[in-house]
Amino acid sequence: FIPAEPMGGRPFGLVINLNYRDSSGNVFQDAVFNQTV
């Protein structure tokens, strides 16, 4: 991904989610990265 140019020099919360499901149809979501950068 490409952060926007006006966002330079400021902190933001970066959230990266992975969405998947099992063979039974149960939906899962894993917050792989959830920190302030």
PDB file of all heavy atoms in Angstrom:
ATOM      1  N   PHE A   1       0.856  -1.180   0.000  1.00  0.00           N
ATOM      2  CA  PHE A   1       0.000   0.000   0.000  1.00  0.00           C
ATOM      3  C   PHE A   1       0.894   1.234   0.000  1.00  0.00           C
ATOM      4  O   PHE A   1       2.108   1.159   0.264  1.00  0.00           O
ATOM      5  CB  PHE A   1      -0.944   0.008   1.214  1.00  0.00           C
ATOM      6  CG  PHE A   1      -0.241  -0.010   2.541  1.00  0.00           C
ATOM      7  CD1 PHE A   1       0.091   1.166   3.204  1.00  0.00           C
ATOM      8  CD2 PHE A   1       0.119  -1.216   3.134  1.00  0.00           C
ATOM      9  CE1 PHE A   1       0.739   1.157   4.419  1.00  0.00           C
ATOM     10  CE2 PHE A   1       0.759  -1.240   4.351  1.00  0.00           C
ATOM     11  CZ  PHE A   1       1.085  -0.059   4.999  1.00  0.00           C
ATOM     12  N   ILE A   2       0.288   2.382  -0.309  1.00  0.00           N
ATOM     13  CA  ILE A   2       1.034   3.645  -0.409  1.00  0.00           C
ATOM     14  C   ILE A   2       0.368   4.665   0.519  1.00  0.00           C
ATOM     15  O   ILE A   2      -0.768   5.084   0.268  1.00  0.00           O
ATOM     16  CB  ILE A   2       1.044   4.185  -1.852  1.00  0.00           C
ATOM     17  CG1 ILE A   2       1.682   3.168  -2.791  1.00  0.00           C
ATOM     18  CG2 ILE A   2       1.786   5.515  -1.930  1.00  0.00           C
ATOM     19  CD1 ILE A   2       1.641   3.578  -4.257  1.00  0.00           C
ATOM     20  N   PRO A   3       1.042   5.072   1.584  1.00  0.00           N
ATOM     21  CA  PRO A   3       0.487   6.134   2.437  1.00  0.00           C
ATOM     22  C   PRO A   3       0.405   7.456   1.670  1.00  0.00           C
ATOM     23  O   PRO A   3       1.275   7.772   0.860  1.00  0.00           O
ATOM     24  CB  PRO A   3       1.478   6.219   3.606  1.00  0.00           C
ATOM     25  CG  PRO A   3       2.210   4.917   3.593  1.00  0.00           C
ATOM     26  CD  PRO A   3       2.271   4.502   2.155  1.00  0.00           C
ATOM     27  N   ALA A   4      -0.639   8.206   1.929  1.00  0.00           N
ATOM     28  CA  ALA A   4      -0.821   9.490   1.245  1.00  0.00           C
ATOM     29  C   ALA A   4       0.276  10.473   1.653  1.00  0.00           C
ATOM     30  O   ALA A   4       0.776  10.438   2.780  1.00  0.00           O
ATOM     31  CB  ALA A   4      -2.194  10.062   1.556  1.00  0.00           C
ATOM     32  N   GLU A   5       0.645  11.344   0.715  1.00  0.00           N
ATOM     33  CA  GLU A   5       1.731  12.297   0.974  1.00  0.00           C
ATOM     34  C   GLU A   5       1.411  13.278   2.102  1.00  0.00           C
ATOM     35  O   GLU A   5       2.293  13.593   2.906  1.00  0.00           O
ATOM     36  CB  GLU A   5       2.052  13.056  -0.310  1.00  0.00           C
ATOM     37  CG  GLU A   5       3.267  13.971  -0.203  1.00  0.00           C
ATOM     38  CD  GLU A   5       3.632  14.590  -1.537  1.00  0.00           C
ATOM     39  OE1 GLU A   5       2.930  14.306  -2.528  1.00  0.00           O
ATOM     40  OE2 GLU A   5       4.617  15.345  -1.587  1.00  0.00           O
ATOM     41  N   PRO A   6       0.160  13.805   2.237  1.00  0.00           N
ATOM     42  CA  PRO A   6      -0.107  14.736   3.352  1.00  0.00           C
ATOM     43  C   PRO A   6      -0.022  14.094   4.728  1.00  0.00           C
ATOM     44  O   PRO A   6      -0.045  14.816   5.731  1.00  0.00           O
ATOM     45  CB  PRO A   6      -1.547  15.211   3.060  1.00  0.00           C
ATOM     46  CG  PRO A   6      -1.766  14.953   1.623  1.00  0.00           C
ATOM     47  CD  PRO A   6      -0.972  13.726   1.299  1.00  0.00           C
ATOM     48  N   MET A   7       0.065  12.775   4.823  1.00  0.00           N
ATOM     49  CA  MET A   7       0.115  12.103   6.114  1.00  0.00           C
ATOM     50  C   MET A   7       1.526  12.011   6.667  1.00  0.00           C
ATOM     51  O   MET A   7       1.727  11.454   7.755  1.00  0.00           O
ATOM     52  CB  MET A   7      -0.479  10.697   5.975  1.00  0.00           C
ATOM     53  CG  MET A   7      -1.929  10.689   5.530  1.00  0.00           C
ATOM     54  SD  MET A   7      -2.551   9.050   5.162  1.00  0.00           S
ATOM     55  CE  MET A   7      -2.431   8.289   6.762  1.00  0.00           C
ATOM     56  N   GLY A   8       2.512  12.521   5.962  1.00  0.00           N
ATOM     57  CA  GLY A   8       3.896  12.418   6.399  1.00  0.00           C
ATOM     58  C   GLY A   8       4.159  13.183   7.682  1.00  0.00           C
ATOM     59  O   GLY A   8       3.674  14.301   7.879  1.00  0.00           O
ATOM     60  N   GLY A   9       4.923  12.559   8.581  1.00  0.00           N
ATOM     61  CA  GLY A   9       5.312  13.205   9.828  1.00  0.00           C
ATOM     62  C   GLY A   9       4.299  13.104  10.944  1.00  0.00           C
ATOM     63  O   GLY A   9       4.447  13.789  11.970  1.00  0.00           O
ATOM     64  N   ARG A  10       3.274  12.254  10.819  1.00  0.00           N
ATOM     65  CA  ARG A  10       2.248  12.120  11.858  1.00  0.00           C
ATOM     66  C   ARG A  10       2.015  10.657  12.188  1.00  0.00           C
ATOM     67  O   ARG A  10       2.173   9.792  11.336  1.00  0.00           O
ATOM     68  CB  ARG A  10       0.937  12.763  11.396  1.00  0.00           C
ATOM     69  CG  ARG A  10       1.006  14.272  11.284  1.00  0.00           C
ATOM     70  CD  ARG A  10      -0.323  14.873  10.910  1.00  0.00           C
ATOM     71  NE  ARG A  10      -0.691  14.546   9.546  1.00  0.00           N
ATOM     72  CZ  ARG A  10      -1.840  14.888   8.973  1.00  0.00           C
ATOM     73  NH1 ARG A  10      -2.739  15.557   9.679  1.00  0.00           N
ATOM     74  NH2 ARG A  10      -2.095  14.564   7.726  1.00  0.00           N
ATOM     75  N   PRO A  11       1.603  10.361  13.430  1.00  0.00           N
ATOM     76  CA  PRO A  11       1.335   8.969  13.815  1.00  0.00           C
ATOM     77  C   PRO A  11      -0.107   8.566  13.484  1.00  0.00           C
ATOM     78  O   PRO A  11      -1.035   9.362  13.600  1.00  0.00           O
ATOM     79  CB  PRO A  11       1.567   8.984  15.334  1.00  0.00           C
ATOM     80  CG  PRO A  11       1.221  10.376  15.747  1.00  0.00           C
ATOM     81  CD  PRO A  11       1.600  11.270  14.595  1.00  0.00           C
ATOM     82  N   PHE A  12      -0.279   7.304  13.092  1.00  0.00           N
ATOM     83  CA  PHE A  12      -1.594   6.748  12.785  1.00  0.00           C
ATOM     84  C   PHE A  12      -1.630   5.301  13.259  1.00  0.00           C
ATOM     85  O   PHE A  12      -0.585   4.650  13.411  1.00  0.00           O
ATOM     86  CB  PHE A  12      -1.895   6.811  11.280  1.00  0.00           C
ATOM     87  CG  PHE A  12      -1.987   8.196  10.732  1.00  0.00           C
ATOM     88  CD1 PHE A  12      -0.907   8.765  10.077  1.00  0.00           C
ATOM     89  CD2 PHE A  12      -3.131   8.948  10.874  1.00  0.00           C
ATOM     90  CE1 PHE A  12      -0.969  10.050   9.565  1.00  0.00           C
ATOM     91  CE2 PHE A  12      -3.210  10.236  10.372  1.00  0.00           C
ATOM     92  CZ  PHE A  12      -2.126  10.784   9.719  1.00  0.00           C
ATOM     93  N   GLY A  13      -2.835   4.825  13.477  1.00  0.00           N
ATOM     94  CA  GLY A  13      -3.016   3.428  13.836  1.00  0.00           C
ATOM     95  C   GLY A  13      -3.153   2.570  12.592  1.00  0.00           C
ATOM     96  O   GLY A  13      -4.067   2.767  11.789  1.00  0.00           O
ATOM     97  N   LEU A  14      -2.241   1.629  12.403  1.00  0.00           N
ATOM     98  CA  LEU A  14      -2.261   0.740  11.247  1.00  0.00           C
ATOM     99  C   LEU A  14      -2.920  -0.577  11.658  1.00  0.00           C
ATOM    100  O   LEU A  14      -2.465  -1.253  12.589  1.00  0.00           O
ATOM    101  CB  LEU A  14      -0.851   0.483  10.731  1.00  0.00           C
ATOM    102  CG  LEU A  14      -0.718  -0.480   9.550  1.00  0.00           C
ATOM    103  CD1 LEU A  14      -1.495   0.019   8.348  1.00  0.00           C
ATOM    104  CD2 LEU A  14       0.748  -0.703   9.197  1.00  0.00           C
ATOM    105  N   VAL A  15      -4.010  -0.928  10.954  1.00  0.00           N
ATOM    106  CA  VAL A  15      -4.761  -2.146  11.231  1.00  0.00           C
ATOM    107  C   VAL A  15      -4.741  -3.012   9.974  1.00  0.00           C
ATOM    108  O   VAL A  15      -5.145  -2.561   8.902  1.00  0.00           O
ATOM    109  CB  VAL A  15      -6.215  -1.842  11.653  1.00  0.00           C
ATOM    110  CG1 VAL A  15      -6.974  -3.134  11.903  1.00  0.00           C
ATOM    111  CG2 VAL A  15      -6.231  -0.962  12.894  1.00  0.00           C
ATOM    112  N   ILE A  16      -4.269  -4.258  10.119  1.00  0.00           N
ATOM    113  CA  ILE A  16      -4.218  -5.217   9.014  1.00  0.00           C
ATOM    114  C   ILE A  16      -5.029  -6.437   9.435  1.00  0.00           C
ATOM    115  O   ILE A  16      -4.724  -7.076  10.446  1.00  0.00           O
ATOM    116  CB  ILE A  16      -2.771  -5.616   8.685  1.00  0.00           C
ATOM    117  CG1 ILE A  16      -1.969  -4.374   8.272  1.00  0.00           C
ATOM    118  CG2 ILE A  16      -2.744  -6.652   7.566  1.00  0.00           C
ATOM    119  CD1 ILE A  16      -0.495  -4.644   8.071  1.00  0.00           C
ATOM    120  N   ASN A  17      -6.077  -6.741   8.685  1.00  0.00           N
ATOM    121  CA  ASN A  17      -6.983  -7.843   9.008  1.00  0.00           C
ATOM    122  C   ASN A  17      -6.914  -8.921   7.938  1.00  0.00           C
ATOM    123  O   ASN A  17      -6.859  -8.623   6.737  1.00  0.00           O
ATOM    124  CB  ASN A  17      -8.427  -7.336   9.118  1.00  0.00           C
ATOM    125  CG  ASN A  17      -8.616  -6.386  10.297  1.00  0.00           C
ATOM    126  OD1 ASN A  17      -8.033  -6.580  11.363  1.00  0.00           O
ATOM    127  ND2 ASN A  17      -9.418  -5.358  10.095  1.00  0.00           N
ATOM    128  N   LEU A  18      -6.950 -10.161   8.390  1.00  0.00           N
ATOM    129  CA  LEU A  18      -7.002 -11.323   7.502  1.00  0.00           C
ATOM    130  C   LEU A  18      -8.337 -12.035   7.732  1.00  0.00           C
ATOM    131  O   LEU A  18      -8.649 -12.452   8.851  1.00  0.00           O
ATOM    132  CB  LEU A  18      -5.843 -12.283   7.783  1.00  0.00           C
ATOM    133  CG  LEU A  18      -5.773 -13.522   6.893  1.00  0.00           C
ATOM    134  CD1 LEU A  18      -5.487 -13.122   5.445  1.00  0.00           C
ATOM    135  CD2 LEU A  18      -4.713 -14.487   7.398  1.00  0.00           C
ATOM    136  N   ASN A  19      -9.130 -12.149   6.672  1.00  0.00           N
ATOM    137  CA  ASN A  19     -10.460 -12.759   6.750  1.00  0.00           C
ATOM    138  C   ASN A  19     -10.422 -14.159   6.123  1.00  0.00           C
ATOM    139  O   ASN A  19      -9.971 -14.315   4.986  1.00  0.00           O
ATOM    140  CB  ASN A  19     -11.497 -11.885   6.025  1.00  0.00           C
ATOM    141  CG  ASN A  19     -11.518 -10.456   6.561  1.00  0.00           C
ATOM    142  OD1 ASN A  19     -11.685 -10.237   7.748  1.00  0.00           O
ATOM    143  ND2 ASN A  19     -11.346  -9.485   5.680  1.00  0.00           N
ATOM    144  N   TYR A  20     -10.919 -15.150   6.878  1.00  0.00           N
ATOM    145  CA  TYR A  20     -10.927 -16.531   6.376  1.00  0.00           C
ATOM    146  C   TYR A  20     -12.078 -17.275   7.034  1.00  0.00           C
ATOM    147  O   TYR A  20     -12.708 -16.800   7.988  1.00  0.00           O
ATOM    148  CB  TYR A  20      -9.580 -17.217   6.645  1.00  0.00           C
ATOM    149  CG  TYR A  20      -9.162 -17.231   8.095  1.00  0.00           C
ATOM    150  CD1 TYR A  20      -9.431 -18.339   8.913  1.00  0.00           C
ATOM    151  CD2 TYR A  20      -8.482 -16.160   8.658  1.00  0.00           C
ATOM    152  CE1 TYR A  20      -9.048 -18.361  10.237  1.00  0.00           C
ATOM    153  CE2 TYR A  20      -8.101 -16.169   9.981  1.00  0.00           C
ATOM    154  CZ  TYR A  20      -8.376 -17.278  10.778  1.00  0.00           C
ATOM    155  OH  TYR A  20      -8.004 -17.281  12.105  1.00  0.00           O
ATOM    156  N   ARG A  21     -12.367 -18.471   6.529  1.00  0.00           N
ATOM    157  CA  ARG A  21     -13.431 -19.325   7.054  1.00  0.00           C
ATOM    158  C   ARG A  21     -12.988 -20.784   6.987  1.00  0.00           C
ATOM    159  O   ARG A  21     -12.110 -21.152   6.179  1.00  0.00           O
ATOM    160  CB  ARG A  21     -14.740 -19.111   6.283  1.00  0.00           C
ATOM    161  CG  ARG A  21     -14.677 -19.565   4.837  1.00  0.00           C
ATOM    162  CD  ARG A  21     -16.015 -19.439   4.133  1.00  0.00           C
ATOM    163  NE  ARG A  21     -16.454 -18.063   4.019  1.00  0.00           N
ATOM    164  CZ  ARG A  21     -17.634 -17.641   4.456  1.00  0.00           C
ATOM    165  NH1 ARG A  21     -18.471 -18.501   5.035  1.00  0.00           N
ATOM    166  NH2 ARG A  21     -17.999 -16.388   4.306  1.00  0.00           N
ATOM    167  N   ASP A  22     -13.602 -21.595   7.843  1.00  0.00           N
ATOM    168  CA  ASP A  22     -13.268 -23.026   7.852  1.00  0.00           C
ATOM    169  C   ASP A  22     -14.222 -23.793   6.959  1.00  0.00           C
ATOM    170  O   ASP A  22     -15.107 -23.214   6.302  1.00  0.00           O
ATOM    171  CB  ASP A  22     -13.268 -23.568   9.282  1.00  0.00           C
ATOM    172  CG  ASP A  22     -14.628 -23.376   9.973  1.00  0.00           C
ATOM    173  OD1 ASP A  22     -15.600 -22.962   9.278  1.00  0.00           O
ATOM    174  OD2 ASP A  22     -14.724 -23.625  11.176  1.00  0.00           O
ATOM    175  N   SER A  23     -14.046 -25.110   6.926  1.00  0.00           N
ATOM    176  CA  SER A  23     -14.890 -25.943   6.055  1.00  0.00           C
ATOM    177  C   SER A  23     -16.334 -25.978   6.502  1.00  0.00           C
ATOM    178  O   SER A  23     -17.234 -26.267   5.700  1.00  0.00           O
ATOM    179  CB  SER A  23     -14.325 -27.368   6.007  1.00  0.00           C
ATOM    180  OG  SER A  23     -14.256 -27.918   7.330  1.00  0.00           O
ATOM    181  N   SER A  24     -16.604 -25.649   7.760  1.00  0.00           N
ATOM    182  CA  SER A  24     -17.983 -25.632   8.264  1.00  0.00           C
ATOM    183  C   SER A  24     -18.700 -24.326   7.981  1.00  0.00           C
ATOM    184  O   SER A  24     -19.884 -24.184   8.290  1.00  0.00           O
ATOM    185  CB  SER A  24     -17.987 -25.888   9.783  1.00  0.00           C
ATOM    186  OG  SER A  24     -17.407 -27.147  10.077  1.00  0.00           O
ATOM    187  N   GLY A  25     -18.003 -23.337   7.445  1.00  0.00           N
ATOM    188  CA  GLY A  25     -18.617 -22.055   7.129  1.00  0.00           C
ATOM    189  C   GLY A  25     -18.475 -21.010   8.214  1.00  0.00           C
ATOM    190  O   GLY A  25     -19.045 -19.917   8.087  1.00  0.00           O
ATOM    191  N   ASN A  26     -17.738 -21.315   9.268  1.00  0.00           N
ATOM    192  CA  ASN A  26     -17.524 -20.342  10.335  1.00  0.00           C
ATOM    193  C   ASN A  26     -16.544 -19.262   9.863  1.00  0.00           C
ATOM    194  O   ASN A  26     -15.482 -19.564   9.327  1.00  0.00           O
ATOM    195  CB  ASN A  26     -16.975 -21.029  11.592  1.00  0.00           C
ATOM    196  CG  ASN A  26     -17.951 -22.060  12.141  1.00  0.00           C
ATOM    197  OD1 ASN A  26     -19.161 -21.828  12.153  1.00  0.00           O
ATOM    198  ND2 ASN A  26     -17.434 -23.203  12.578  1.00  0.00           N
ATOM    199  N   VAL A  27     -16.918 -18.006  10.084  1.00  0.00           N
ATOM    200  CA  VAL A  27     -16.131 -16.868   9.622  1.00  0.00           C
ATOM    201  C   VAL A  27     -15.197 -16.424  10.740  1.00  0.00           C
ATOM    202  O   VAL A  27     -15.591 -16.308  11.902  1.00  0.00           O
ATOM    203  CB  VAL A  27     -17.045 -15.706   9.190  1.00  0.00           C
ATOM    204  CG1 VAL A  27     -16.216 -14.513   8.734  1.00  0.00           C
ATOM    205  CG2 VAL A  27     -17.980 -16.148   8.074  1.00  0.00           C
ATOM    206  N   PHE A  28     -13.937 -16.153  10.354  1.00  0.00           N
ATOM    207  CA  PHE A  28     -12.925 -15.685  11.312  1.00  0.00           C
ATOM    208  C   PHE A  28     -12.235 -14.450  10.743  1.00  0.00           C
ATOM    209  O   PHE A  28     -12.142 -14.276   9.532  1.00  0.00           O
ATOM    210  CB  PHE A  28     -11.881 -16.783  11.585  1.00  0.00           C
ATOM    211  CG  PHE A  28     -12.464 -18.043  12.138  1.00  0.00           C
ATOM    212  CD1 PHE A  28     -12.750 -19.119  11.293  1.00  0.00           C
ATOM    213  CD2 PHE A  28     -12.729 -18.173  13.485  1.00  0.00           C
ATOM    214  CE1 PHE A  28     -13.284 -20.293  11.785  1.00  0.00           C
ATOM    215  CE2 PHE A  28     -13.263 -19.355  13.996  1.00  0.00           C
ATOM    216  CZ  PHE A  28     -13.547 -20.411  13.144  1.00  0.00           C
ATOM    217  N   GLN A  29     -11.746 -13.656  11.670  1.00  0.00           N
ATOM    218  CA  GLN A  29     -10.978 -12.461  11.299  1.00  0.00           C
ATOM    219  C   GLN A  29      -9.840 -12.292  12.290  1.00  0.00           C
ATOM    220  O   GLN A  29     -10.063 -12.227  13.503  1.00  0.00           O
ATOM    221  CB  GLN A  29     -11.840 -11.200  11.297  1.00  0.00           C
ATOM    222  CG  GLN A  29     -11.104  -9.953  10.781  1.00  0.00           C
ATOM    223  CD  GLN A  29     -11.986  -8.720  10.810  1.00  0.00           C
ATOM    224  OE1 GLN A  29     -12.319  -8.230  11.890  1.00  0.00           O
ATOM    225  NE2 GLN A  29     -12.364  -8.228   9.634  1.00  0.00           N
ATOM    226  N   ASP A  30      -8.629 -12.216  11.762  1.00  0.00           N
ATOM    227  CA  ASP A  30      -7.441 -12.096  12.601  1.00  0.00           C
ATOM    228  C   ASP A  30      -6.809 -10.733  12.366  1.00  0.00           C
ATOM    229  O   ASP A  30      -6.445 -10.393  11.230  1.00  0.00           O
ATOM    230  CB  ASP A  30      -6.450 -13.214  12.270  1.00  0.00           C
ATOM    231  CG  ASP A  30      -5.287 -13.257  13.255  1.00  0.00           C
ATOM    232  OD1 ASP A  30      -5.271 -12.424  14.187  1.00  0.00           O
ATOM    233  OD2 ASP A  30      -4.395 -14.109  13.075  1.00  0.00           O
ATOM    234  N   ALA A  31      -6.702  -9.920  13.442  1.00  0.00           N
ATOM    235  CA  ALA A  31      -6.010  -8.630  13.359  1.00  0.00           C
ATOM    236  C   ALA A  31      -4.508  -8.891  13.419  1.00  0.00           C
ATOM    237  O   ALA A  31      -3.900  -8.923  14.494  1.00  0.00           O
ATOM    238  CB  ALA A  31      -6.461  -7.705  14.480  1.00  0.00           C
ATOM    239  N   VAL A  32      -3.934  -9.091  12.264  1.00  0.00           N
ATOM    240  CA  VAL A  32      -2.521  -9.474  12.206  1.00  0.00           C
ATOM    241  C   VAL A  32      -1.632  -8.364  12.747  1.00  0.00           C
ATOM    242  O   VAL A  32      -0.648  -8.616  13.441  1.00  0.00           O
ATOM    243  CB  VAL A  32      -2.135  -9.815  10.752  1.00  0.00           C
ATOM    244  CG1 VAL A  32      -0.688 -10.263  10.667  1.00  0.00           C
ATOM    245  CG2 VAL A  32      -3.060 -10.882  10.201  1.00  0.00           C
ATOM    246  N   PHE A  33      -1.958  -7.126  12.449  1.00  0.00           N
ATOM    247  CA  PHE A  33      -1.164  -5.980  12.917  1.00  0.00           C
ATOM    248  C   PHE A  33      -2.140  -4.909  13.381  1.00  0.00           C
ATOM    249  O   PHE A  33      -3.053  -4.518  12.645  1.00  0.00           O
ATOM    250  CB  PHE A  33      -0.269  -5.452  11.797  1.00  0.00           C
ATOM    251  CG  PHE A  33       0.748  -4.449  12.256  1.00  0.00           C
ATOM    252  CD1 PHE A  33       1.971  -4.854  12.747  1.00  0.00           C
ATOM    253  CD2 PHE A  33       0.471  -3.094  12.204  1.00  0.00           C
ATOM    254  CE1 PHE A  33       2.918  -3.938  13.172  1.00  0.00           C
ATOM    255  CE2 PHE A  33       1.403  -2.169  12.622  1.00  0.00           C
ATOM    256  CZ  PHE A  33       2.634  -2.587  13.114  1.00  0.00           C
ATOM    257  N   ASN A  34      -1.918  -4.419  14.606  1.00  0.00           N
ATOM    258  CA  ASN A  34      -2.815  -3.413  15.175  1.00  0.00           C
ATOM    259  C   ASN A  34      -1.993  -2.538  16.127  1.00  0.00           C
ATOM    260  O   ASN A  34      -2.066  -2.677  17.344  1.00  0.00           O
ATOM    261  CB  ASN A  34      -3.978  -4.070  15.908  1.00  0.00           C
ATOM    262  CG  ASN A  34      -5.045  -3.066  16.306  1.00  0.00           C
ATOM    263  OD1 ASN A  34      -4.940  -1.885  16.016  1.00  0.00           O
ATOM    264  ND2 ASN A  34      -6.072  -3.537  16.983  1.00  0.00           N
ATOM    265  N   GLN A  35      -1.220  -1.610  15.526  1.00  0.00           N
ATOM    266  CA  GLN A  35      -0.333  -0.765  16.315  1.00  0.00           C
ATOM    267  C   GLN A  35      -0.298   0.645  15.723  1.00  0.00           C
ATOM    268  O   GLN A  35      -0.722   0.872  14.581  1.00  0.00           O
ATOM    269  CB  GLN A  35       1.091  -1.342  16.343  1.00  0.00           C
ATOM    270  CG  GLN A  35       1.195  -2.694  17.027  1.00  0.00           C
ATOM    271  CD  GLN A  35       2.620  -3.216  17.030  1.00  0.00           C
ATOM    272  OE1 GLN A  35       3.564  -2.480  16.729  1.00  0.00           O
ATOM    273  NE2 GLN A  35       2.787  -4.481  17.371  1.00  0.00           N
ATOM    274  N   THR A  36       0.243   1.552  16.523  1.00  0.00           N
ATOM    275  CA  THR A  36       0.417   2.935  16.073  1.00  0.00           C
ATOM    276  C   THR A  36       1.793   3.091  15.438  1.00  0.00           C
ATOM    277  O   THR A  36       2.808   2.735  16.048  1.00  0.00           O
ATOM    278  CB  THR A  36       0.280   3.912  17.244  1.00  0.00           C
ATOM    279  OG1 THR A  36      -1.018   3.752  17.839  1.00  0.00           O
ATOM    280  CG2 THR A  36       0.430   5.354  16.767  1.00  0.00           C
ATOM    281  N   VAL A  37       1.816   3.597  14.215  1.00  0.00           N
ATOM    282  CA  VAL A  37       3.065   3.791  13.469  1.00  0.00           C
ATOM    283  C   VAL A  37       3.152   5.261  13.059  1.00  0.00           C
ATOM    284  O   VAL A  37       2.155   5.984  13.030  1.00  0.00           O
ATOM    285  CB  VAL A  37       3.132   2.877  12.228  1.00  0.00           C
ATOM    286  CG1 VAL A  37       3.107   1.422  12.635  1.00  0.00           C
ATOM    287  CG2 VAL A  37       1.998   3.197  11.267  1.00  0.00           C
TER     288      VAL A  37
END
